Structure formats: C-alpha cells, structure tokens
Amino acid sequence: KQWYQRRVRETVLRALREIPAGQELLDNSGYHYATHSVPERRRALRTQYLFTCGCEACTERKSWPAFDDVPGRVTVRCSRCNSSLLTKRTICDSCGKNASKPFQKMDRLAHETNRFIQRFITDSDSRCSSAVFEFLKMCEIHAELPFRLYNESQEVIKQIWNLESNCRTPLT
C-alpha cells in the first residue's frame, strides 16, 4: 500500500522525439488514430470524457491511416526544398540536390532498427539500440510520416519503457 501511494505522486513523461520549448504536449485518451476512425474517436471521447479532441490526427484535412494501412515504403523529403523523393532516388527533381547521404544513413539505420525489433520480439532483448533513436530522429527530419517501420520502432520503444517502469523496486 505504501509503495502504491508514493508512486501515485510521480508522473513520468518520456518523449520519443525532441520537443521544442513551448510546444503543446498532448496525451492519448485511449482512442488512437491507428485503431479508430475520426468519427469513432470523436463520438467516444465526447461520450466518455465530454470533450471534442483538437489534436492533429483529429483535425487535419489529410486522414491519418489506420495501422494496417500505414505505408511500408519510405518517402524521403529533400532537405533543401522539402519535395518528396522516391526511395533510392538520389537527385531531387525539383532542385537538383544530391540526397544520397540521408538515404544511405536512413537505410543503414533502418536495417539496424529492423534487427533490434526482431531481437526484441524473439528474445525479449530490451537493451535499446541507440540506432533506433537515431533512426526516429532521421525520420522526423527526412521522411514523410507515417510509415510502417517508423510506427513499429515507436511501439517497441514504448513497450521497453513499460517493461522498465514495471520492474522498478518499491520505494521505502
């Protein structure tokens, strides 16, 4: 009982990406865009929590895809003009910038991230690779989101953090 009471006073917030100063932090109220449509989320949140959600996934004109519909293919953005580049295309058609370095780095990090995810799934190896965080950061900068490996990487890290927080020793 004492352990529970002392733990209730502590809230831990972990971010999967850097959060600029002053940016609003939002919490998921249980109806995730990847598993529920916008009308389902709005109806459930109005009924259960008495509010209309104003998050990006609920208000953006472009519909966010359900998890099964998230593209598997990565589309990289040109760092100079922000145009979409097809994977493995190294020269931007819009501005002519050579984009081979970000492609090569993301490709290497994607392979390392895939290996880490497989180790986590098969062996419950929760020693998080720094490559996963570097991959997520590169995606935030260079890729059009979401895409499957990006989402899977976030989910694995959240599971590892859940395991870590559930294995803490009781406070005395």
Protein backbone atom coordinates (compact mmCIF):
# COMPACT_ATOMS: atom_id res chain seq x y z
CA LYS A 1 0.00 0.00 0.00
CA GLN A 2 2.71 2.48 0.92
CA TRP A 3 4.56 1.74 -2.36
CA TYR A 4 1.43 2.49 -4.36
CA GLN A 5 0.70 5.73 -2.53
CA ARG A 6 4.20 7.06 -3.03
CA ARG A 7 4.26 6.06 -6.70
CA VAL A 8 0.96 7.81 -7.42
CA ARG A 9 2.63 11.16 -6.75
CA GLU A 10 5.18 10.61 -9.51
CA THR A 11 4.43 11.09 -13.17
CA VAL A 12 6.99 10.13 -15.77
CA LEU A 13 6.78 11.56 -19.26
CA ARG A 14 9.10 10.13 -21.89
CA ALA A 15 9.24 11.56 -25.38
CA LEU A 16 10.20 9.65 -28.50
CA ARG A 17 11.49 12.83 -30.10
CA GLU A 18 12.83 16.21 -29.07
CA ILE A 19 10.10 18.62 -28.00
CA PRO A 20 10.74 22.29 -28.77
CA ALA A 21 10.26 24.69 -25.87
CA GLY A 22 6.67 25.94 -25.74
CA GLN A 23 5.21 23.13 -27.86
CA GLU A 24 1.93 21.76 -26.54
CA LEU A 25 2.05 18.23 -25.09
CA LEU A 26 -0.95 16.04 -25.80
CA ASP A 27 -2.00 12.77 -24.20
CA ASN A 28 -3.78 9.85 -25.77
CA SER A 29 -7.15 9.29 -24.12
CA GLY A 30 -7.37 5.70 -25.29
CA TYR A 31 -8.74 6.14 -28.79
CA HIS A 32 -5.70 6.04 -31.05
CA TYR A 33 -5.81 7.22 -34.67
CA ALA A 34 -4.21 3.94 -35.79
CA THR A 35 -7.09 1.84 -34.43
CA HIS A 36 -10.16 4.11 -34.55
CA SER A 37 -11.57 6.38 -37.25
CA VAL A 38 -12.04 10.12 -36.60
CA PRO A 39 -15.85 9.79 -36.13
CA GLU A 40 -15.37 6.84 -33.74
CA ARG A 41 -12.77 8.75 -31.70
CA ARG A 42 -14.84 11.92 -31.54
CA ARG A 43 -18.01 10.07 -30.50
CA ALA A 44 -16.20 8.02 -27.82
CA LEU A 45 -14.30 11.00 -26.39
CA ARG A 46 -17.44 13.17 -26.28
CA THR A 47 -19.36 10.38 -24.54
CA GLN A 48 -16.67 9.25 -22.10
CA TYR A 49 -14.67 12.43 -21.41
CA LEU A 50 -17.07 15.20 -22.52
CA PHE A 51 -14.67 16.96 -24.90
CA THR A 52 -14.00 17.31 -28.60
CA CYS A 53 -10.43 16.44 -29.44
CA GLY A 54 -8.41 19.07 -31.25
CA CYS A 55 -5.24 17.06 -31.89
CA GLU A 56 -3.56 16.96 -35.30
CA ALA A 57 -4.89 13.48 -36.12
CA CYS A 58 -8.48 14.56 -35.41
CA THR A 59 -8.39 17.95 -37.12
CA GLU A 60 -6.02 17.61 -40.08
CA ARG A 61 -7.63 17.55 -43.51
CA LYS A 62 -5.47 14.62 -44.56
CA SER A 63 -6.78 11.48 -42.89
CA TRP A 64 -4.19 9.63 -40.82
CA PRO A 65 -4.05 5.95 -41.82
CA ALA A 66 -5.08 3.04 -39.61
CA PHE A 67 -2.15 0.84 -38.57
CA ASP A 68 -2.83 -1.80 -41.23
CA ASP A 69 -2.94 0.93 -43.91
CA VAL A 70 0.32 2.66 -42.96
CA PRO A 71 2.65 2.54 -45.97
CA GLY A 72 5.58 0.16 -45.75
CA ARG A 73 7.61 2.22 -48.18
CA VAL A 74 9.62 5.24 -47.03
CA THR A 75 9.36 8.52 -48.88
CA VAL A 76 12.23 10.87 -48.11
CA ARG A 77 11.98 14.67 -48.31
CA CYS A 78 14.68 16.80 -49.90
CA SER A 79 16.47 18.75 -47.17
CA ARG A 80 16.78 21.79 -49.46
CA CYS A 81 13.28 22.19 -50.96
CA ASN A 82 11.20 19.64 -48.96
CA SER A 83 9.99 17.87 -52.14
CA SER A 84 9.14 14.18 -51.93
CA LEU A 85 11.79 11.81 -53.24
CA LEU A 86 11.11 8.21 -54.08
CA THR A 87 13.24 5.73 -52.14
CA LYS A 88 16.67 5.12 -53.68
CA ARG A 89 16.34 8.24 -55.88
CA THR A 90 19.39 10.30 -55.03
CA ILE A 91 18.85 13.51 -57.02
CA CYS A 92 15.91 15.81 -56.25
CA ASP A 93 13.89 16.53 -59.42
CA SER A 94 12.78 19.91 -58.03
CA CYS A 95 16.09 21.48 -57.00
CA GLY A 96 18.83 19.07 -58.13
CA LYS A 97 20.24 18.43 -54.64
CA ASN A 98 22.10 15.16 -54.16
CA ALA A 99 20.24 13.30 -51.39
CA SER A 100 22.33 10.13 -51.31
CA LYS A 101 23.80 10.69 -47.80
CA PRO A 102 20.44 10.86 -45.97
CA PHE A 103 19.24 7.83 -48.00
CA GLN A 104 22.33 5.81 -47.13
CA LYS A 105 22.20 6.74 -43.45
CA MET A 106 18.46 6.04 -43.15
CA ASP A 107 18.92 2.73 -44.97
CA ARG A 108 21.70 1.64 -42.58
CA LEU A 109 19.70 2.74 -39.52
CA ALA A 110 16.55 1.03 -40.85
CA HIS A 111 18.44 -2.28 -41.12
CA GLU A 112 19.80 -1.91 -37.57
CA THR A 113 16.34 -0.97 -36.30
CA ASN A 114 14.76 -4.00 -38.00
CA ARG A 115 17.36 -6.30 -36.41
CA PHE A 116 16.72 -4.73 -33.00
CA ILE A 117 12.94 -5.15 -33.35
CA GLN A 118 13.36 -8.82 -34.30
CA ARG A 119 15.65 -9.41 -31.27
CA PHE A 120 13.07 -7.74 -29.03
CA ILE A 121 10.24 -9.88 -30.43
CA THR A 122 12.09 -13.22 -30.40
CA ASP A 123 14.37 -12.88 -27.37
CA SER A 124 12.71 -10.09 -25.36
CA ASP A 125 16.05 -8.28 -25.65
CA SER A 126 15.14 -4.86 -24.30
CA ARG A 127 18.59 -3.29 -24.42
CA CYS A 128 17.58 -0.43 -26.64
CA SER A 129 19.88 0.31 -29.51
CA SER A 130 20.86 3.95 -29.98
CA ALA A 131 20.35 3.30 -33.71
CA VAL A 132 16.58 3.14 -33.10
CA PHE A 133 16.52 6.64 -31.61
CA GLU A 134 18.83 7.93 -34.33
CA PHE A 135 16.56 6.32 -36.94
CA LEU A 136 13.47 8.01 -35.45
CA LYS A 137 15.26 11.37 -35.41
CA MET A 138 16.34 10.97 -39.05
CA CYS A 139 12.75 10.09 -39.97
CA GLU A 140 11.44 13.24 -38.28
CA ILE A 141 13.84 15.30 -40.38
CA HIS A 142 13.93 13.50 -43.73
CA ALA A 143 10.90 11.20 -44.16
CA GLU A 144 7.22 11.65 -44.85
CA LEU A 145 5.38 10.22 -41.88
CA PRO A 146 3.91 7.85 -41.02
CA PHE A 147 5.38 4.68 -42.47
CA ARG A 148 5.41 1.18 -41.01
CA LEU A 149 8.97 0.86 -39.65
CA TYR A 150 8.71 4.30 -38.02
CA ASN A 151 5.49 3.31 -36.23
CA GLU A 152 6.86 -0.12 -35.24
CA SER A 153 10.02 1.48 -33.84
CA GLN A 154 7.97 3.83 -31.68
CA GLU A 155 5.81 0.96 -30.41
CA VAL A 156 8.81 -1.20 -29.47
CA ILE A 157 10.42 1.64 -27.53
CA LYS A 158 7.13 2.28 -25.69
CA GLN A 159 6.96 -1.43 -24.77
CA ILE A 160 10.54 -1.35 -23.47
CA TRP A 161 9.79 1.73 -21.38
CA ASN A 162 6.68 0.00 -20.00
CA LEU A 163 8.78 -3.02 -19.04
CA GLU A 164 11.37 -0.82 -17.37
CA SER A 165 8.82 1.14 -15.37
CA ASN A 166 7.04 -2.04 -14.26
CA CYS A 167 10.30 -3.52 -12.95
CA ARG A 168 11.22 -0.77 -10.54
CA THR A 169 11.89 -1.71 -6.99
CA PRO A 170 9.41 -0.42 -4.39
CA LEU A 171 10.28 2.80 -2.60
CA THR A 172 10.86 2.51 1.12
